Amino acid sequence: MGLVMPSSCKPRVYLAGFDVFRADAVEHGRYLKALCKVHGLEGLYPFDNEVAQGLPPAKTAALICNANIAMIKCCDAVLANLNPFRGLEPDSGTAFEVGMAVALGKPVWAYFESGGTLREQIGHDAQGFDAQGFEVEDFQLPRNLMLACTWAGSSETAEGGVEALARYLACL
């Protein structure tokens, strides 16, 4: 799977993550896009999309969803913030975006703070079951196998992720 682009084009990277829920989401998006630019990438941040104001919530949600899907379809790769969000797991919207990118054959680079394997991160009993009675998988992976077995690589920070993804894309 190689990228075919004119030499003057920068690889486009969709910036997936729950960062859009931050109080400083727009500023953070600008920061991520600037990081991309420094490394020869063009960052595509969900807030780059324009959504009309005053629409019913369901209509607004559908427009945001479709605009983000369109961005993923036109990007060359995805950089995904897979830090825990509202619990122990990554944001479900980000997980969807990662799955979509993988299904489209686009490389995904993940970033998240090191916390060890899932077994090290999630409390469990001697048989490996959590407090709700569900087995905590033990594949020595830092995230669910469907994420960890499909990303091109991972880093601990957004900065490291952008740099590593730029190197990875340059080798394709």
N, C-alpha and C. Protein backbone atom coordinates (compact mmCIF):
# COMPACT_ATOMS: atom_id res chain seq x y z
N MET A 1 0.86 -1.16 0.00
CA MET A 1 0.00 0.00 0.00
C MET A 1 0.91 1.22 0.00
N GLY A 2 1.07 1.86 -1.11
CA GLY A 2 1.91 3.06 -1.21
C GLY A 2 1.08 4.27 -1.53
N LEU A 3 1.56 5.39 -1.10
CA LEU A 3 0.89 6.65 -1.40
C LEU A 3 1.43 7.18 -2.72
N VAL A 4 0.54 7.56 -3.61
CA VAL A 4 0.96 8.13 -4.88
C VAL A 4 0.50 9.58 -4.89
N MET A 5 1.47 10.48 -4.76
CA MET A 5 1.16 11.91 -4.70
C MET A 5 2.23 12.67 -5.45
N PRO A 6 1.86 13.79 -6.05
CA PRO A 6 2.90 14.64 -6.62
C PRO A 6 3.86 15.05 -5.51
N SER A 7 5.14 15.24 -5.85
CA SER A 7 6.14 15.54 -4.82
C SER A 7 5.85 16.84 -4.08
N SER A 8 5.07 17.73 -4.67
CA SER A 8 4.78 19.00 -4.00
C SER A 8 3.65 18.89 -2.98
N CYS A 9 2.95 17.77 -2.97
CA CYS A 9 1.82 17.60 -2.04
C CYS A 9 2.30 17.04 -0.70
N LYS A 10 1.77 17.60 0.35
CA LYS A 10 2.04 17.07 1.69
C LYS A 10 1.03 15.97 1.98
N PRO A 11 1.47 14.88 2.59
CA PRO A 11 0.49 13.86 3.01
C PRO A 11 -0.52 14.50 3.98
N ARG A 12 -1.80 14.18 3.74
CA ARG A 12 -2.87 14.70 4.59
C ARG A 12 -3.17 13.70 5.71
N VAL A 13 -3.18 14.21 6.93
CA VAL A 13 -3.36 13.37 8.11
C VAL A 13 -4.59 13.83 8.88
N TYR A 14 -5.54 12.92 9.03
CA TYR A 14 -6.73 13.21 9.83
C TYR A 14 -6.34 13.07 11.30
N LEU A 15 -6.64 14.09 12.08
CA LEU A 15 -6.27 14.16 13.50
C LEU A 15 -7.47 13.71 14.35
N ALA A 16 -7.51 12.42 14.64
CA ALA A 16 -8.62 11.82 15.36
C ALA A 16 -8.38 11.87 16.86
N GLY A 17 -9.44 12.09 17.60
CA GLY A 17 -9.31 12.05 19.04
C GLY A 17 -10.39 12.85 19.74
N PHE A 18 -10.46 12.65 21.03
CA PHE A 18 -11.45 13.36 21.85
C PHE A 18 -11.04 14.79 22.13
N ASP A 19 -9.95 15.23 21.49
CA ASP A 19 -9.47 16.61 21.68
C ASP A 19 -10.53 17.65 21.32
N VAL A 20 -11.48 17.26 20.47
CA VAL A 20 -12.54 18.20 20.06
C VAL A 20 -13.47 18.55 21.24
N PHE A 21 -13.36 17.82 22.34
CA PHE A 21 -14.18 18.10 23.52
C PHE A 21 -13.46 18.94 24.56
N ARG A 22 -12.21 19.27 24.29
CA ARG A 22 -11.43 20.11 25.22
C ARG A 22 -12.01 21.53 25.24
N ALA A 23 -11.82 22.23 26.35
CA ALA A 23 -12.25 23.63 26.43
C ALA A 23 -11.49 24.48 25.42
N ASP A 24 -10.25 24.09 25.13
CA ASP A 24 -9.42 24.82 24.16
C ASP A 24 -9.29 24.05 22.85
N ALA A 25 -10.36 23.40 22.42
CA ALA A 25 -10.32 22.50 21.27
C ALA A 25 -9.81 23.16 19.99
N VAL A 26 -10.25 24.36 19.70
CA VAL A 26 -9.81 25.03 18.47
C VAL A 26 -8.32 25.33 18.53
N GLU A 27 -7.86 25.87 19.66
CA GLU A 27 -6.45 26.18 19.81
C GLU A 27 -5.60 24.91 19.76
N HIS A 28 -6.09 23.84 20.40
CA HIS A 28 -5.35 22.59 20.38
C HIS A 28 -5.27 22.04 18.96
N GLY A 29 -6.35 22.17 18.21
CA GLY A 29 -6.34 21.74 16.82
C GLY A 29 -5.31 22.51 16.01
N ARG A 30 -5.22 23.81 16.26
CA ARG A 30 -4.20 24.62 15.57
C ARG A 30 -2.79 24.13 15.93
N TYR A 31 -2.60 23.79 17.18
CA TYR A 31 -1.32 23.26 17.63
C TYR A 31 -0.97 21.96 16.91
N LEU A 32 -1.93 21.04 16.85
CA LEU A 32 -1.69 19.76 16.17
C LEU A 32 -1.39 19.98 14.69
N LYS A 33 -2.13 20.89 14.07
CA LYS A 33 -1.90 21.18 12.65
C LYS A 33 -0.52 21.80 12.44
N ALA A 34 -0.09 22.65 13.36
CA ALA A 34 1.24 23.26 13.26
C ALA A 34 2.32 22.20 13.41
N LEU A 35 2.12 21.24 14.32
CA LEU A 35 3.06 20.11 14.46
C LEU A 35 3.17 19.36 13.15
N CYS A 36 2.04 19.11 12.53
CA CYS A 36 2.05 18.40 11.25
C CYS A 36 2.85 19.18 10.22
N LYS A 37 2.61 20.47 10.14
CA LYS A 37 3.28 21.31 9.15
C LYS A 37 4.80 21.26 9.32
N VAL A 38 5.27 21.32 10.56
CA VAL A 38 6.70 21.25 10.84
C VAL A 38 7.31 19.97 10.28
N HIS A 39 6.53 18.90 10.24
CA HIS A 39 7.03 17.60 9.78
C HIS A 39 6.60 17.26 8.36
N GLY A 40 6.17 18.29 7.61
CA GLY A 40 5.84 18.08 6.20
C GLY A 40 4.51 17.42 5.94
N LEU A 41 3.61 17.50 6.91
CA LEU A 41 2.28 16.91 6.78
C LEU A 41 1.23 18.01 6.80
N GLU A 42 0.08 17.72 6.24
CA GLU A 42 -1.06 18.63 6.34
C GLU A 42 -2.07 18.01 7.29
N GLY A 43 -2.27 18.64 8.45
CA GLY A 43 -3.22 18.14 9.43
C GLY A 43 -4.64 18.53 9.07
N LEU A 44 -5.54 17.57 9.16
CA LEU A 44 -6.97 17.80 8.94
C LEU A 44 -7.67 17.59 10.28
N TYR A 45 -8.17 18.67 10.84
CA TYR A 45 -8.79 18.62 12.17
C TYR A 45 -10.30 18.71 12.01
N PRO A 46 -11.08 17.92 12.75
CA PRO A 46 -12.53 17.94 12.57
C PRO A 46 -13.16 19.34 12.59
N PHE A 47 -12.60 20.27 13.37
CA PHE A 47 -13.17 21.62 13.41
C PHE A 47 -12.86 22.44 12.16
N ASP A 48 -12.10 21.86 11.22
CA ASP A 48 -11.89 22.53 9.94
C ASP A 48 -13.19 22.54 9.14
N ASN A 49 -14.06 21.59 9.43
CA ASN A 49 -15.35 21.51 8.74
C ASN A 49 -16.27 22.63 9.24
N GLU A 50 -17.04 23.19 8.32
CA GLU A 50 -18.02 24.20 8.72
C GLU A 50 -19.38 23.55 8.85
N VAL A 51 -20.04 23.82 9.96
CA VAL A 51 -21.37 23.29 10.23
C VAL A 51 -22.29 24.45 10.50
N ALA A 52 -23.38 24.51 9.77
CA ALA A 52 -24.35 25.59 9.94
C ALA A 52 -24.88 25.62 11.37
N GLN A 53 -25.08 26.80 11.88
CA GLN A 53 -25.61 26.99 13.23
C GLN A 53 -27.14 26.97 13.21
N GLY A 54 -27.73 26.66 14.35
CA GLY A 54 -29.17 26.73 14.51
C GLY A 54 -29.94 25.53 14.01
N LEU A 55 -29.27 24.47 13.63
CA LEU A 55 -29.95 23.27 13.16
C LEU A 55 -30.36 22.41 14.35
N PRO A 56 -31.34 21.53 14.17
CA PRO A 56 -31.68 20.60 15.25
C PRO A 56 -30.46 19.74 15.59
N PRO A 57 -30.31 19.34 16.84
CA PRO A 57 -29.13 18.56 17.26
C PRO A 57 -28.86 17.33 16.40
N ALA A 58 -29.89 16.56 16.06
CA ALA A 58 -29.68 15.35 15.26
C ALA A 58 -29.13 15.69 13.87
N LYS A 59 -29.60 16.77 13.29
CA LYS A 59 -29.12 17.21 11.98
C LYS A 59 -27.66 17.67 12.08
N THR A 60 -27.35 18.41 13.13
CA THR A 60 -25.98 18.86 13.35
C THR A 60 -25.05 17.66 13.52
N ALA A 61 -25.48 16.68 14.32
CA ALA A 61 -24.67 15.49 14.54
C ALA A 61 -24.41 14.75 13.23
N ALA A 62 -25.44 14.60 12.41
CA ALA A 62 -25.28 13.90 11.12
C ALA A 62 -24.32 14.66 10.21
N LEU A 63 -24.42 15.98 10.19
CA LEU A 63 -23.51 16.77 9.36
C LEU A 63 -22.06 16.62 9.83
N ILE A 64 -21.84 16.67 11.13
CA ILE A 64 -20.48 16.50 11.67
C ILE A 64 -19.95 15.11 11.32
N CYS A 65 -20.76 14.09 11.53
CA CYS A 65 -20.37 12.72 11.23
C CYS A 65 -19.97 12.58 9.75
N ASN A 66 -20.83 13.05 8.86
CA ASN A 66 -20.56 12.93 7.42
C ASN A 66 -19.34 13.73 6.99
N ALA A 67 -19.15 14.90 7.58
CA ALA A 67 -17.98 15.72 7.24
C ALA A 67 -16.70 15.04 7.71
N ASN A 68 -16.71 14.44 8.90
CA ASN A 68 -15.53 13.75 9.40
C ASN A 68 -15.24 12.50 8.56
N ILE A 69 -16.27 11.78 8.17
CA ILE A 69 -16.07 10.62 7.30
C ILE A 69 -15.46 11.06 5.97
N ALA A 70 -15.94 12.16 5.42
CA ALA A 70 -15.37 12.67 4.16
C ALA A 70 -13.89 13.02 4.33
N MET A 71 -13.55 13.61 5.47
CA MET A 71 -12.14 13.93 5.74
C MET A 71 -11.29 12.67 5.80
N ILE A 72 -11.79 11.64 6.46
CA ILE A 72 -11.04 10.39 6.57
C ILE A 72 -10.86 9.78 5.18
N LYS A 73 -11.90 9.85 4.36
CA LYS A 73 -11.80 9.29 3.01
C LYS A 73 -10.75 10.01 2.17
N CYS A 74 -10.57 11.31 2.37
CA CYS A 74 -9.64 12.06 1.53
C CYS A 74 -8.25 12.19 2.15
N CYS A 75 -8.04 11.67 3.35
CA CYS A 75 -6.71 11.77 3.97
C CYS A 75 -5.82 10.62 3.51
N ASP A 76 -4.55 10.74 3.81
CA ASP A 76 -3.58 9.70 3.48
C ASP A 76 -3.26 8.81 4.68
N ALA A 77 -3.52 9.32 5.88
CA ALA A 77 -3.24 8.59 7.11
C ALA A 77 -4.04 9.21 8.25
N VAL A 78 -4.07 8.51 9.37
CA VAL A 78 -4.77 9.00 10.56
C VAL A 78 -3.81 8.97 11.74
N LEU A 79 -3.80 10.06 12.50
CA LEU A 79 -3.10 10.12 13.77
C LEU A 79 -4.19 10.11 14.84
N ALA A 80 -4.18 9.11 15.71
CA ALA A 80 -5.29 8.91 16.65
C ALA A 80 -4.86 9.00 18.10
N ASN A 81 -5.53 9.87 18.85
CA ASN A 81 -5.35 9.99 20.28
C ASN A 81 -6.14 8.85 20.94
N LEU A 82 -5.42 7.83 21.40
CA LEU A 82 -6.08 6.68 22.03
C LEU A 82 -5.87 6.65 23.53
N ASN A 83 -5.67 7.82 24.12
CA ASN A 83 -5.65 7.91 25.58
C ASN A 83 -7.04 7.58 26.10
N PRO A 84 -7.13 7.10 27.34
CA PRO A 84 -8.45 6.83 27.91
C PRO A 84 -9.30 8.09 27.94
N PHE A 85 -10.59 7.90 27.70
CA PHE A 85 -11.53 9.01 27.67
C PHE A 85 -12.81 8.60 28.39
N ARG A 86 -13.17 9.32 29.42
CA ARG A 86 -14.38 9.04 30.20
C ARG A 86 -14.42 7.60 30.70
N GLY A 87 -13.28 7.10 31.13
CA GLY A 87 -13.18 5.73 31.61
C GLY A 87 -11.81 5.17 31.30
N LEU A 88 -11.73 3.85 31.10
CA LEU A 88 -10.46 3.20 30.87
C LEU A 88 -10.12 3.01 29.39
N GLU A 89 -11.10 3.17 28.52
CA GLU A 89 -10.93 2.89 27.10
C GLU A 89 -10.82 4.19 26.29
N PRO A 90 -10.28 4.09 25.06
CA PRO A 90 -10.26 5.26 24.17
C PRO A 90 -11.68 5.70 23.81
N ASP A 91 -11.79 6.92 23.33
CA ASP A 91 -13.06 7.48 22.86
C ASP A 91 -13.67 6.59 21.78
N SER A 92 -14.95 6.29 21.89
CA SER A 92 -15.61 5.40 20.92
C SER A 92 -15.65 6.02 19.52
N GLY A 93 -15.81 7.33 19.42
CA GLY A 93 -15.79 7.97 18.11
C GLY A 93 -14.43 7.83 17.44
N THR A 94 -13.37 7.97 18.22
CA THR A 94 -12.02 7.80 17.70
C THR A 94 -11.80 6.36 17.28
N ALA A 95 -12.28 5.41 18.06
CA ALA A 95 -12.15 4.00 17.70
C ALA A 95 -12.87 3.73 16.37
N PHE A 96 -14.03 4.35 16.16
CA PHE A 96 -14.74 4.22 14.89
C PHE A 96 -13.88 4.77 13.75
N GLU A 97 -13.29 5.94 13.97
CA GLU A 97 -12.48 6.57 12.92
C GLU A 97 -11.26 5.72 12.59
N VAL A 98 -10.64 5.12 13.60
CA VAL A 98 -9.51 4.23 13.37
C VAL A 98 -9.97 3.03 12.53
N GLY A 99 -11.07 2.42 12.92
CA GLY A 99 -11.59 1.27 12.17
C GLY A 99 -11.91 1.61 10.73
N MET A 100 -12.49 2.77 10.52
CA MET A 100 -12.81 3.19 9.16
C MET A 100 -11.54 3.38 8.34
N ALA A 101 -10.54 4.04 8.93
CA ALA A 101 -9.27 4.25 8.22
C ALA A 101 -8.63 2.92 7.86
N VAL A 102 -8.61 1.98 8.80
CA VAL A 102 -8.04 0.67 8.55
C VAL A 102 -8.80 -0.02 7.42
N ALA A 103 -10.13 0.05 7.46
CA ALA A 103 -10.94 -0.57 6.41
C ALA A 103 -10.66 0.05 5.04
N LEU A 104 -10.32 1.33 5.02
CA LEU A 104 -10.00 2.01 3.76
C LEU A 104 -8.54 1.82 3.35
N GLY A 105 -7.77 1.09 4.13
CA GLY A 105 -6.38 0.83 3.80
C GLY A 105 -5.44 1.98 4.11
N LYS A 106 -5.86 2.86 5.01
CA LYS A 106 -5.03 4.02 5.38
C LYS A 106 -4.25 3.70 6.65
N PRO A 107 -2.96 4.05 6.69
CA PRO A 107 -2.20 3.78 7.91
C PRO A 107 -2.68 4.64 9.07
N VAL A 108 -2.66 4.05 10.24
CA VAL A 108 -3.05 4.73 11.48
C VAL A 108 -1.85 4.71 12.42
N TRP A 109 -1.53 5.87 12.97
CA TRP A 109 -0.51 5.96 14.02
C TRP A 109 -1.23 6.40 15.29
N ALA A 110 -1.09 5.64 16.35
CA ALA A 110 -1.76 5.93 17.62
C ALA A 110 -0.80 6.62 18.57
N TYR A 111 -1.37 7.41 19.47
CA TYR A 111 -0.57 7.92 20.58
C TYR A 111 -1.38 7.88 21.85
N PHE A 112 -0.69 7.54 22.94
CA PHE A 112 -1.30 7.45 24.26
C PHE A 112 -0.20 7.30 25.28
N GLU A 113 -0.48 7.74 26.50
CA GLU A 113 0.49 7.62 27.59
C GLU A 113 0.65 6.16 27.95
N SER A 114 1.87 5.76 28.18
CA SER A 114 2.16 4.38 28.52
C SER A 114 1.51 4.02 29.85
N GLY A 115 0.81 2.92 29.86
CA GLY A 115 0.20 2.46 31.09
C GLY A 115 0.36 0.96 31.25
N GLY A 116 1.18 0.37 30.39
CA GLY A 116 1.37 -1.07 30.45
C GLY A 116 0.33 -1.81 29.62
N THR A 117 0.26 -3.11 29.83
CA THR A 117 -0.71 -3.93 29.11
C THR A 117 -2.11 -3.71 29.68
N LEU A 118 -3.12 -4.19 28.97
CA LEU A 118 -4.48 -4.07 29.49
C LEU A 118 -4.60 -4.72 30.86
N ARG A 119 -3.95 -5.87 31.03
CA ARG A 119 -4.00 -6.55 32.33
C ARG A 119 -3.38 -5.71 33.42
N GLU A 120 -2.37 -4.91 33.08
CA GLU A 120 -1.74 -4.03 34.07
C GLU A 120 -2.58 -2.78 34.33
N GLN A 121 -3.39 -2.40 33.39
CA GLN A 121 -4.19 -1.18 33.51
C GLN A 121 -5.55 -1.39 34.18
N ILE A 122 -6.10 -2.59 34.00
CA ILE A 122 -7.47 -2.84 34.46
C ILE A 122 -7.45 -3.83 35.62
N GLY A 123 -8.05 -3.42 36.73
CA GLY A 123 -8.13 -4.30 37.89
C GLY A 123 -8.85 -5.60 37.56
N HIS A 124 -8.34 -6.70 38.08
CA HIS A 124 -8.95 -8.01 37.82
C HIS A 124 -8.59 -8.98 38.96
N ASP A 125 -9.36 -10.06 39.02
CA ASP A 125 -9.10 -11.07 40.04
C ASP A 125 -8.05 -12.06 39.55
N ALA A 126 -7.77 -13.07 40.33
CA ALA A 126 -6.72 -14.04 40.00
C ALA A 126 -7.01 -14.80 38.71
N GLN A 127 -8.28 -14.90 38.34
CA GLN A 127 -8.64 -15.59 37.10
C GLN A 127 -8.67 -14.64 35.89
N GLY A 128 -8.43 -13.34 36.13
CA GLY A 128 -8.39 -12.38 35.03
C GLY A 128 -9.71 -11.69 34.74
N PHE A 129 -10.67 -11.75 35.67
CA PHE A 129 -11.98 -11.13 35.44
C PHE A 129 -12.07 -9.82 36.20
N ASP A 130 -12.64 -8.79 35.55
CA ASP A 130 -12.77 -7.48 36.19
C ASP A 130 -13.93 -7.48 37.17
N ALA A 131 -14.18 -6.35 37.79
CA ALA A 131 -15.22 -6.22 38.81
C ALA A 131 -16.62 -6.49 38.27
N GLN A 132 -16.81 -6.35 36.96
CA GLN A 132 -18.12 -6.61 36.35
C GLN A 132 -18.24 -8.06 35.88
N GLY A 133 -17.19 -8.85 36.06
CA GLY A 133 -17.23 -10.25 35.68
C GLY A 133 -16.79 -10.54 34.25
N PHE A 134 -16.17 -9.56 33.60
CA PHE A 134 -15.70 -9.75 32.23
C PHE A 134 -14.19 -10.00 32.23
N GLU A 135 -13.78 -10.94 31.39
CA GLU A 135 -12.35 -11.25 31.29
C GLU A 135 -11.58 -10.07 30.72
N VAL A 136 -10.45 -9.77 31.33
CA VAL A 136 -9.55 -8.75 30.81
C VAL A 136 -8.56 -9.48 29.93
N GLU A 137 -8.61 -9.19 28.63
CA GLU A 137 -7.74 -9.91 27.69
C GLU A 137 -6.28 -9.81 28.08
N ASP A 138 -5.53 -10.86 27.77
CA ASP A 138 -4.13 -10.93 28.18
C ASP A 138 -3.25 -11.25 26.98
N PHE A 139 -3.18 -10.30 26.03
CA PHE A 139 -2.35 -10.47 24.84
C PHE A 139 -1.07 -9.63 24.93
N GLN A 140 -0.79 -9.09 26.12
CA GLN A 140 0.39 -8.24 26.33
C GLN A 140 0.35 -7.00 25.45
N LEU A 141 -0.85 -6.47 25.18
CA LEU A 141 -1.04 -5.27 24.35
C LEU A 141 -1.53 -4.12 25.22
N PRO A 142 -1.21 -2.88 24.84
CA PRO A 142 -1.62 -1.73 25.64
C PRO A 142 -3.06 -1.26 25.37
N ARG A 143 -3.68 -1.76 24.32
CA ARG A 143 -5.05 -1.44 23.97
C ARG A 143 -5.70 -2.70 23.44
N ASN A 144 -7.00 -2.66 23.23
CA ASN A 144 -7.73 -3.78 22.67
C ASN A 144 -7.04 -4.27 21.40
N LEU A 145 -7.02 -5.57 21.19
CA LEU A 145 -6.31 -6.15 20.06
C LEU A 145 -6.77 -5.61 18.71
N MET A 146 -8.03 -5.22 18.58
CA MET A 146 -8.52 -4.71 17.30
C MET A 146 -7.91 -3.36 16.96
N LEU A 147 -7.47 -2.64 17.96
CA LEU A 147 -6.74 -1.39 17.71
C LEU A 147 -5.25 -1.71 17.58
N ALA A 148 -4.70 -2.39 18.56
CA ALA A 148 -3.25 -2.62 18.62
C ALA A 148 -2.72 -3.45 17.46
N CYS A 149 -3.53 -4.33 16.92
CA CYS A 149 -3.06 -5.17 15.81
C CYS A 149 -3.26 -4.52 14.45
N THR A 150 -3.84 -3.33 14.41
CA THR A 150 -4.10 -2.69 13.12
C THR A 150 -3.39 -1.36 12.92
N TRP A 151 -2.84 -0.77 14.00
CA TRP A 151 -2.15 0.49 13.79
C TRP A 151 -0.76 0.23 13.20
N ALA A 152 -0.24 1.23 12.50
CA ALA A 152 1.10 1.13 11.91
C ALA A 152 2.17 1.27 12.99
N GLY A 153 1.83 1.97 14.06
CA GLY A 153 2.74 2.18 15.16
C GLY A 153 2.10 3.03 16.22
N SER A 154 2.83 3.24 17.31
CA SER A 154 2.30 4.07 18.38
C SER A 154 3.43 4.84 19.05
N SER A 155 3.05 5.95 19.66
CA SER A 155 3.96 6.81 20.40
C SER A 155 3.25 7.24 21.68
N GLU A 156 4.01 7.83 22.60
CA GLU A 156 3.41 8.24 23.87
C GLU A 156 2.80 9.63 23.84
N THR A 157 3.17 10.45 22.85
CA THR A 157 2.67 11.82 22.79
C THR A 157 2.25 12.17 21.36
N ALA A 158 1.46 13.22 21.24
CA ALA A 158 1.08 13.71 19.91
C ALA A 158 2.32 14.15 19.15
N GLU A 159 3.23 14.82 19.84
CA GLU A 159 4.45 15.30 19.20
C GLU A 159 5.26 14.13 18.63
N GLY A 160 5.45 13.11 19.45
CA GLY A 160 6.17 11.92 18.99
C GLY A 160 5.42 11.20 17.89
N GLY A 161 4.11 11.19 17.99
CA GLY A 161 3.28 10.54 16.97
C GLY A 161 3.37 11.21 15.62
N VAL A 162 3.32 12.54 15.59
CA VAL A 162 3.42 13.27 14.33
C VAL A 162 4.78 13.00 13.69
N GLU A 163 5.83 13.10 14.49
CA GLU A 163 7.18 12.88 13.96
C GLU A 163 7.34 11.46 13.42
N ALA A 164 6.88 10.47 14.17
CA ALA A 164 7.00 9.08 13.75
C ALA A 164 6.14 8.80 12.51
N LEU A 165 4.94 9.36 12.48
CA LEU A 165 4.06 9.14 11.32
C LEU A 165 4.67 9.77 10.07
N ALA A 166 5.28 10.93 10.19
CA ALA A 166 5.92 11.56 9.04
C ALA A 166 7.05 10.67 8.51
N ARG A 167 7.84 10.10 9.40
CA ARG A 167 8.92 9.19 8.99
C ARG A 167 8.34 7.94 8.31
N TYR A 168 7.28 7.42 8.91
CA TYR A 168 6.63 6.21 8.37
C TYR A 168 6.11 6.48 6.95
N LEU A 169 5.41 7.60 6.78
CA LEU A 169 4.85 7.91 5.46
C LEU A 169 5.93 8.17 4.42
N ALA A 170 7.05 8.72 4.85
CA ALA A 170 8.15 8.98 3.92
C ALA A 170 8.74 7.68 3.38
N CYS A 171 8.57 6.59 4.11
CA CYS A 171 9.12 5.30 3.69
C CYS A 171 8.16 4.51 2.81
N LEU A 172 6.93 4.96 2.67
CA LEU A 172 5.95 4.22 1.85
C LEU A 172 6.20 4.43 0.38
